[in-house]
Structure formats: structure tokens, C-alpha cells
Amino acid sequence: MIIGGWTRIGAYIASVWLLLIAINLVTTGHYFDFALRDIGLCLSAFGLTKLTEAIAVAGVQLAPVGTMPPAVADISRAA
């Protein structure tokens, strides 16, 4: 779900889920190191959400992995 076309929604879900796990760990009074790790992962998932939204707003077309844009392909052939 997170890798497919639902990246934004999946990243929001993962972000909230990790935040709730971190809150649960902090309220127990133990495992603060795991809570801090989960908060870091939560912020990373939220960053993925914002990056996905920015790409969608800009209308950027992403090339499939392993392909080069035409300009880069022409430069590599000339060298």
C-alpha cells in the first residue's frame, strides 16, 4: 500500500500509527529509546507524505527505475 499509488495515504497512516505507538511507550514509563526511534520514523513517514504532495502539486513525472531522460542518454552516448 505504501509503495503503490496510495503513497500519501499510506504515509499518513504509518505516521499516525508510529506516533500512537510512541505515545503508548512513553505513558508506560519505560522504553523511552524505542519511543524516540518511533518518533523519528513517524517524522520520516510524514516527510514522505509532504514530498509526495509536493511532487503531485508540481506535476513532476517520475521516470521508471533504470531509464534515463533523453538529454542524459545523448550525453552518455557522446562520451
PDB file of N, CA and C in Angstrom:
ATOM      1  N   MET A   1       0.832  -1.195   0.000  1.00  0.00           N
ATOM      2  CA  MET A   1       0.000   0.000   0.000  1.00  0.00           C
ATOM      3  C   MET A   1       0.873   1.254   0.000  1.00  0.00           C
ATOM      4  N   ILE A   2       1.951   1.258   0.772  1.00  0.00           N
ATOM      5  CA  ILE A   2       2.760   2.463   0.870  1.00  0.00           C
ATOM      6  C   ILE A   2       3.567   2.679  -0.403  1.00  0.00           C
ATOM      7  N   ILE A   3       3.988   1.624  -1.074  1.00  0.00           N
ATOM      8  CA  ILE A   3       4.825   1.774  -2.257  1.00  0.00           C
ATOM      9  C   ILE A   3       3.992   2.071  -3.499  1.00  0.00           C
ATOM     10  N   GLY A   4       2.767   1.643  -3.548  1.00  0.00           N
ATOM     11  CA  GLY A   4       1.942   1.814  -4.736  1.00  0.00           C
ATOM     12  C   GLY A   4       1.450   3.238  -4.913  1.00  0.00           C
ATOM     13  N   GLY A   5       0.327   3.379  -5.577  1.00  0.00           N
ATOM     14  CA  GLY A   5      -0.238   4.685  -5.867  1.00  0.00           C
ATOM     15  C   GLY A   5      -0.850   5.377  -4.660  1.00  0.00           C
ATOM     16  N   TRP A   6      -0.906   4.708  -3.561  1.00  0.00           N
ATOM     17  CA  TRP A   6      -1.527   5.261  -2.361  1.00  0.00           C
ATOM     18  C   TRP A   6      -0.478   5.770  -1.376  1.00  0.00           C
ATOM     19  N   THR A   7       0.617   6.285  -1.872  1.00  0.00           N
ATOM     20  CA  THR A   7       1.742   6.662  -1.020  1.00  0.00           C
ATOM     21  C   THR A   7       1.356   7.690   0.031  1.00  0.00           C
ATOM     22  N   ARG A   8       0.626   8.700  -0.374  1.00  0.00           N
ATOM     23  CA  ARG A   8       0.289   9.776   0.567  1.00  0.00           C
ATOM     24  C   ARG A   8      -0.570   9.268   1.705  1.00  0.00           C
ATOM     25  N   ILE A   9      -1.605   8.505   1.390  1.00  0.00           N
ATOM     26  CA  ILE A   9      -2.497   7.992   2.428  1.00  0.00           C
ATOM     27  C   ILE A   9      -1.765   6.985   3.315  1.00  0.00           C
ATOM     28  N   GLY A  10      -0.983   6.107   2.701  1.00  0.00           N
ATOM     29  CA  GLY A  10      -0.241   5.119   3.471  1.00  0.00           C
ATOM     30  C   GLY A  10       0.776   5.754   4.398  1.00  0.00           C
ATOM     31  N   ALA A  11       1.425   6.822   3.945  1.00  0.00           N
ATOM     32  CA  ALA A  11       2.407   7.505   4.789  1.00  0.00           C
ATOM     33  C   ALA A  11       1.725   8.206   5.954  1.00  0.00           C
ATOM     34  N   TYR A  12       0.555   8.793   5.727  1.00  0.00           N
ATOM     35  CA  TYR A  12      -0.201   9.391   6.834  1.00  0.00           C
ATOM     36  C   TYR A  12      -0.578   8.322   7.863  1.00  0.00           C
ATOM     37  N   ILE A  13      -1.048   7.183   7.386  1.00  0.00           N
ATOM     38  CA  ILE A  13      -1.430   6.100   8.292  1.00  0.00           C
ATOM     39  C   ILE A  13      -0.231   5.615   9.095  1.00  0.00           C
ATOM     40  N   ALA A  14       0.902   5.404   8.422  1.00  0.00           N
ATOM     41  CA  ALA A  14       2.107   4.953   9.110  1.00  0.00           C
ATOM     42  C   ALA A  14       2.584   5.992  10.121  1.00  0.00           C
ATOM     43  N   SER A  15       2.499   7.261   9.756  1.00  0.00           N
ATOM     44  CA  SER A  15       2.932   8.326  10.644  1.00  0.00           C
ATOM     45  C   SER A  15       2.091   8.364  11.923  1.00  0.00           C
ATOM     46  N   VAL A  16       0.798   8.318  11.774  1.00  0.00           N
ATOM     47  CA  VAL A  16      -0.090   8.343  12.947  1.00  0.00           C
ATOM     48  C   VAL A  16       0.092   7.078  13.783  1.00  0.00           C
ATOM     49  N   TRP A  17       0.212   5.954  13.138  1.00  0.00           N
ATOM     50  CA  TRP A  17       0.389   4.686  13.836  1.00  0.00           C
ATOM     51  C   TRP A  17       1.669   4.718  14.684  1.00  0.00           C
ATOM     52  N   LEU A  18       2.764   5.161  14.097  1.00  0.00           N
ATOM     53  CA  LEU A  18       4.025   5.224  14.836  1.00  0.00           C
ATOM     54  C   LEU A  18       3.963   6.238  15.968  1.00  0.00           C
ATOM     55  N   LEU A  19       3.272   7.342  15.759  1.00  0.00           N
ATOM     56  CA  LEU A  19       3.119   8.326  16.823  1.00  0.00           C
ATOM     57  C   LEU A  19       2.322   7.751  17.990  1.00  0.00           C
ATOM     58  N   LEU A  20       1.270   7.019  17.692  1.00  0.00           N
ATOM     59  CA  LEU A  20       0.473   6.399  18.752  1.00  0.00           C
ATOM     60  C   LEU A  20       1.273   5.340  19.510  1.00  0.00           C
ATOM     61  N   ILE A  21       2.102   4.597  18.806  1.00  0.00           N
ATOM     62  CA  ILE A  21       2.972   3.622  19.473  1.00  0.00           C
ATOM     63  C   ILE A  21       3.937   4.345  20.406  1.00  0.00           C
ATOM     64  N   ALA A  22       4.519   5.452  19.942  1.00  0.00           N
ATOM     65  CA  ALA A  22       5.456   6.209  20.769  1.00  0.00           C
ATOM     66  C   ALA A  22       4.767   6.771  22.003  1.00  0.00           C
ATOM     67  N   ILE A  23       3.561   7.277  21.842  1.00  0.00           N
ATOM     68  CA  ILE A  23       2.804   7.795  22.990  1.00  0.00           C
ATOM     69  C   ILE A  23       2.527   6.678  23.985  1.00  0.00           C
ATOM     70  N   ASN A  24       2.164   5.529  23.486  1.00  0.00           N
ATOM     71  CA  ASN A  24       1.906   4.382  24.364  1.00  0.00           C
ATOM     72  C   ASN A  24       3.169   3.999  25.134  1.00  0.00           C
ATOM     73  N   LEU A  25       4.317   3.995  24.462  1.00  0.00           N
ATOM     74  CA  LEU A  25       5.569   3.637  25.131  1.00  0.00           C
ATOM     75  C   LEU A  25       5.954   4.668  26.190  1.00  0.00           C
ATOM     76  N   VAL A  26       5.724   5.942  25.914  1.00  0.00           N
ATOM     77  CA  VAL A  26       6.058   6.981  26.886  1.00  0.00           C
ATOM     78  C   VAL A  26       5.131   6.900  28.100  1.00  0.00           C
ATOM     79  N   THR A  27       3.861   6.626  27.884  1.00  0.00           N
ATOM     80  CA  THR A  27       2.924   6.566  29.005  1.00  0.00           C
ATOM     81  C   THR A  27       3.186   5.378  29.926  1.00  0.00           C
ATOM     82  N   THR A  28       3.853   4.349  29.437  1.00  0.00           N
ATOM     83  CA  THR A  28       4.183   3.224  30.315  1.00  0.00           C
ATOM     84  C   THR A  28       5.330   3.573  31.257  1.00  0.00           C
ATOM     85  N   GLY A  29       6.120   4.591  30.912  1.00  0.00           N
ATOM     86  CA  GLY A  29       7.237   4.987  31.739  1.00  0.00           C
ATOM     87  C   GLY A  29       8.498   4.197  31.464  1.00  0.00           C
ATOM     88  N   HIS A  30       8.470   3.350  30.464  1.00  0.00           N
ATOM     89  CA  HIS A  30       9.619   2.533  30.095  1.00  0.00           C
ATOM     90  C   HIS A  30       9.870   2.697  28.598  1.00  0.00           C
ATOM     91  N   TYR A  31      10.976   2.178  28.131  1.00  0.00           N
ATOM     92  CA  TYR A  31      11.276   2.089  26.691  1.00  0.00           C
ATOM     93  C   TYR A  31      11.286   3.451  25.992  1.00  0.00           C
ATOM     94  N   PHE A  32      11.888   4.447  26.647  1.00  0.00           N
ATOM     95  CA  PHE A  32      11.952   5.769  26.032  1.00  0.00           C
ATOM     96  C   PHE A  32      12.794   5.751  24.752  1.00  0.00           C
ATOM     97  N   ASP A  33      13.794   4.869  24.690  1.00  0.00           N
ATOM     98  CA  ASP A  33      14.620   4.794  23.492  1.00  0.00           C
ATOM     99  C   ASP A  33      13.824   4.295  22.294  1.00  0.00           C
ATOM    100  N   PHE A  34      12.936   3.343  22.525  1.00  0.00           N
ATOM    101  CA  PHE A  34      12.079   2.862  21.442  1.00  0.00           C
ATOM    102  C   PHE A  34      11.064   3.934  21.040  1.00  0.00           C
ATOM    103  N   ALA A  35      10.582   4.682  22.022  1.00  0.00           N
ATOM    104  CA  ALA A  35       9.642   5.764  21.716  1.00  0.00           C
ATOM    105  C   ALA A  35      10.315   6.823  20.853  1.00  0.00           C
ATOM    106  N   LEU A  36      11.565   7.151  21.169  1.00  0.00           N
ATOM    107  CA  LEU A  36      12.296   8.142  20.380  1.00  0.00           C
ATOM    108  C   LEU A  36      12.529   7.632  18.963  1.00  0.00           C
ATOM    109  N   ARG A  37      12.838   6.342  18.827  1.00  0.00           N
ATOM    110  CA  ARG A  37      13.019   5.750  17.496  1.00  0.00           C
ATOM    111  C   ARG A  37      11.722   5.845  16.697  1.00  0.00           C
ATOM    112  N   ASP A  38      10.596   5.535  17.340  1.00  0.00           N
ATOM    113  CA  ASP A  38       9.316   5.578  16.639  1.00  0.00           C
ATOM    114  C   ASP A  38       8.927   7.000  16.258  1.00  0.00           C
ATOM    115  N   ILE A  39       9.297   7.969  17.072  1.00  0.00           N
ATOM    116  CA  ILE A  39       9.023   9.365  16.713  1.00  0.00           C
ATOM    117  C   ILE A  39       9.846   9.757  15.487  1.00  0.00           C
ATOM    118  N   GLY A  40      11.096   9.305  15.434  1.00  0.00           N
ATOM    119  CA  GLY A  40      11.922   9.560  14.251  1.00  0.00           C
ATOM    120  C   GLY A  40      11.333   8.932  13.003  1.00  0.00           C
ATOM    121  N   LEU A  41      10.858   7.704  13.115  1.00  0.00           N
ATOM    122  CA  LEU A  41      10.218   7.041  11.979  1.00  0.00           C
ATOM    123  C   LEU A  41       8.916   7.742  11.596  1.00  0.00           C
ATOM    124  N   CYS A  42       8.195   8.231  12.595  1.00  0.00           N
ATOM    125  CA  CYS A  42       6.952   8.978  12.345  1.00  0.00           C
ATOM    126  C   CYS A  42       7.246  10.238  11.534  1.00  0.00           C
ATOM    127  N   LEU A  43       8.303  10.952  11.911  1.00  0.00           N
ATOM    128  CA  LEU A  43       8.665  12.162  11.177  1.00  0.00           C
ATOM    129  C   LEU A  43       9.126  11.830   9.761  1.00  0.00           C
ATOM    130  N   SER A  44       9.791  10.705   9.593  1.00  0.00           N
ATOM    131  CA  SER A  44      10.204  10.285   8.249  1.00  0.00           C
ATOM    132  C   SER A  44       9.001   9.965   7.374  1.00  0.00           C
ATOM    133  N   ALA A  45       8.020   9.270   7.934  1.00  0.00           N
ATOM    134  CA  ALA A  45       6.807   8.961   7.181  1.00  0.00           C
ATOM    135  C   ALA A  45       6.053  10.243   6.828  1.00  0.00           C
ATOM    136  N   PHE A  46       6.022  11.195   7.755  1.00  0.00           N
ATOM    137  CA  PHE A  46       5.366  12.470   7.483  1.00  0.00           C
ATOM    138  C   PHE A  46       6.118  13.231   6.388  1.00  0.00           C
ATOM    139  N   GLY A  47       7.439  13.150   6.409  1.00  0.00           N
ATOM    140  CA  GLY A  47       8.236  13.769   5.346  1.00  0.00           C
ATOM    141  C   GLY A  47       7.952  13.148   3.993  1.00  0.00           C
ATOM    142  N   LEU A  48       7.782  11.821   3.962  1.00  0.00           N
ATOM    143  CA  LEU A  48       7.409  11.141   2.715  1.00  0.00           C
ATOM    144  C   LEU A  48       6.059  11.640   2.213  1.00  0.00           C
ATOM    145  N   THR A  49       5.141  11.878   3.129  1.00  0.00           N
ATOM    146  CA  THR A  49       3.831  12.407   2.756  1.00  0.00           C
ATOM    147  C   THR A  49       3.969  13.775   2.105  1.00  0.00           C
ATOM    148  N   LYS A  50       4.722  14.656   2.739  1.00  0.00           N
ATOM    149  CA  LYS A  50       4.884  16.012   2.209  1.00  0.00           C
ATOM    150  C   LYS A  50       5.629  16.005   0.875  1.00  0.00           C
ATOM    151  N   LEU A  51       6.619  15.130   0.738  1.00  0.00           N
ATOM    152  CA  LEU A  51       7.350  15.018  -0.525  1.00  0.00           C
ATOM    153  C   LEU A  51       6.428  14.541  -1.639  1.00  0.00           C
ATOM    154  N   THR A  52       5.590  13.567  -1.343  1.00  0.00           N
ATOM    155  CA  THR A  52       4.643  13.057  -2.331  1.00  0.00           C
ATOM    156  C   THR A  52       3.646  14.136  -2.747  1.00  0.00           C
ATOM    157  N   GLU A  53       3.165  14.920  -1.776  1.00  0.00           N
ATOM    158  CA  GLU A  53       2.236  16.007  -2.098  1.00  0.00           C
ATOM    159  C   GLU A  53       2.916  17.073  -2.952  1.00  0.00           C
ATOM    160  N   ALA A  54       4.174  17.400  -2.647  1.00  0.00           N
ATOM    161  CA  ALA A  54       4.889  18.421  -3.422  1.00  0.00           C
ATOM    162  C   ALA A  54       5.113  17.953  -4.851  1.00  0.00           C
ATOM    163  N   ILE A  55       5.429  16.684  -5.031  1.00  0.00           N
ATOM    164  CA  ILE A  55       5.615  16.148  -6.381  1.00  0.00           C
ATOM    165  C   ILE A  55       4.304  16.175  -7.146  1.00  0.00           C
ATOM    166  N   ALA A  56       3.194  15.857  -6.475  1.00  0.00           N
ATOM    167  CA  ALA A  56       1.883  15.866  -7.135  1.00  0.00           C
ATOM    168  C   ALA A  56       1.484  17.282  -7.530  1.00  0.00           C
ATOM    169  N   VAL A  57       1.740  18.253  -6.672  1.00  0.00           N
ATOM    170  CA  VAL A  57       1.378  19.642  -6.968  1.00  0.00           C
ATOM    171  C   VAL A  57       2.225  20.176  -8.115  1.00  0.00           C
ATOM    172  N   ALA A  58       3.501  19.833  -8.133  1.00  0.00           N
ATOM    173  CA  ALA A  58       4.391  20.319  -9.186  1.00  0.00           C
ATOM    174  C   ALA A  58       4.124  19.631 -10.517  1.00  0.00           C
ATOM    175  N   GLY A  59       3.440  18.509 -10.498  1.00  0.00           N
ATOM    176  CA  GLY A  59       3.139  17.789 -11.729  1.00  0.00           C
ATOM    177  C   GLY A  59       4.357  17.121 -12.335  1.00  0.00           C
ATOM    178  N   VAL A  60       5.280  16.718 -11.499  1.00  0.00           N
ATOM    179  CA  VAL A  60       6.515  16.085 -11.964  1.00  0.00           C
ATOM    180  C   VAL A  60       6.216  14.653 -12.371  1.00  0.00           C
ATOM    181  N   GLN A  61       6.697  14.273 -13.538  1.00  0.00           N
ATOM    182  CA  GLN A  61       6.589  12.891 -13.996  1.00  0.00           C
ATOM    183  C   GLN A  61       7.875  12.180 -13.626  1.00  0.00           C
ATOM    184  N   LEU A  62       7.773  11.137 -12.846  1.00  0.00           N
ATOM    185  CA  LEU A  62       8.949  10.384 -12.443  1.00  0.00           C
ATOM    186  C   LEU A  62       9.222   9.282 -13.451  1.00  0.00           C
ATOM    187  N   ALA A  63      10.471   9.147 -13.834  1.00  0.00           N
ATOM    188  CA  ALA A  63      10.871   8.108 -14.792  1.00  0.00           C
ATOM    189  C   ALA A  63      10.974   6.772 -14.072  1.00  0.00           C
ATOM    190  N   PRO A  64      10.648   5.691 -14.745  1.00  0.00           N
ATOM    191  CA  PRO A  64      10.815   4.377 -14.123  1.00  0.00           C
ATOM    192  C   PRO A  64      12.281   4.116 -13.794  1.00  0.00           C
ATOM    193  N   VAL A  65      12.506   3.292 -12.820  1.00  0.00           N
ATOM    194  CA  VAL A  65      13.870   2.969 -12.402  1.00  0.00           C
ATOM    195  C   VAL A  65      14.607   2.284 -13.547  1.00  0.00           C
ATOM    196  N   GLY A  66      15.842   2.704 -13.770  1.00  0.00           N
ATOM    197  CA  GLY A  66      16.659   2.102 -14.809  1.00  0.00           C
ATOM    198  C   GLY A  66      16.588   2.806 -16.148  1.00  0.00           C
ATOM    199  N   THR A  67      15.801   3.873 -16.250  1.00  0.00           N
ATOM    200  CA  THR A  67      15.727   4.617 -17.502  1.00  0.00           C
ATOM    201  C   THR A  67      16.384   5.975 -17.319  1.00  0.00           C
ATOM    202  N   MET A  68      16.869   6.538 -18.412  1.00  0.00           N
ATOM    203  CA  MET A  68      17.489   7.859 -18.377  1.00  0.00           C
ATOM    204  C   MET A  68      16.670   8.811 -19.247  1.00  0.00           C
ATOM    205  N   PRO A  69      16.582  10.074 -18.826  1.00  0.00           N
ATOM    206  CA  PRO A  69      15.949  11.064 -19.686  1.00  0.00           C
ATOM    207  C   PRO A  69      16.719  11.187 -20.996  1.00  0.00           C
ATOM    208  N   PRO A  70      16.083  11.641 -22.077  1.00  0.00           N
ATOM    209  CA  PRO A  70      16.751  11.723 -23.383  1.00  0.00           C
ATOM    210  C   PRO A  70      18.022  12.566 -23.353  1.00  0.00           C
ATOM    211  N   ALA A  71      18.034  13.667 -22.641  1.00  0.00           N
ATOM    212  CA  ALA A  71      19.218  14.528 -22.614  1.00  0.00           C
ATOM    213  C   ALA A  71      20.409  13.813 -21.989  1.00  0.00           C
ATOM    214  N   VAL A  72      20.185  13.066 -20.929  1.00  0.00           N
ATOM    215  CA  VAL A  72      21.263  12.331 -20.279  1.00  0.00           C
ATOM    216  C   VAL A  72      21.741  11.195 -21.168  1.00  0.00           C
ATOM    217  N   ALA A  73      20.825  10.545 -21.861  1.00  0.00           N
ATOM    218  CA  ALA A  73      21.203   9.454 -22.756  1.00  0.00           C
ATOM    219  C   ALA A  73      22.069   9.985 -23.903  1.00  0.00           C
ATOM    220  N   ASP A  74      21.759  11.180 -24.435  1.00  0.00           N
ATOM    221  CA  ASP A  74      22.567  11.754 -25.511  1.00  0.00           C
ATOM    222  C   ASP A  74      23.971  12.099 -25.032  1.00  0.00           C
ATOM    223  N   ILE A  75      24.090  12.608 -23.814  1.00  0.00           N
ATOM    224  CA  ILE A  75      25.405  12.955 -23.266  1.00  0.00           C
ATOM    225  C   ILE A  75      26.240  11.710 -23.067  1.00  0.00           C
ATOM    226  N   SER A  76      25.616  10.639 -22.563  1.00  0.00           N
ATOM    227  CA  SER A  76      26.393   9.429 -22.300  1.00  0.00           C
ATOM    228  C   SER A  76      26.844   8.765 -23.611  1.00  0.00           C
ATOM    229  N   ARG A  77      26.077   8.905 -24.692  1.00  0.00           N
ATOM    230  CA  ARG A  77      26.497   8.353 -25.977  1.00  0.00           C
ATOM    231  C   ARG A  77      27.638   9.165 -26.587  1.00  0.00           C
ATOM    232  N   ALA A  78      27.659  10.482 -26.333  1.00  0.00           N
ATOM    233  CA  ALA A  78      28.689  11.347 -26.895  1.00  0.00           C
ATOM    234  C   ALA A  78      30.040  11.128 -26.220  1.00  0.00           C
ATOM    235  N   ALA A  79      30.044  10.656 -25.010  1.00  0.00           N
ATOM    236  CA  ALA A  79      31.302  10.493 -24.269  1.00  0.00           C
ATOM    237  C   ALA A  79      32.051   9.270 -24.626  1.00  0.00           C
TER     238      ALA A  79
END
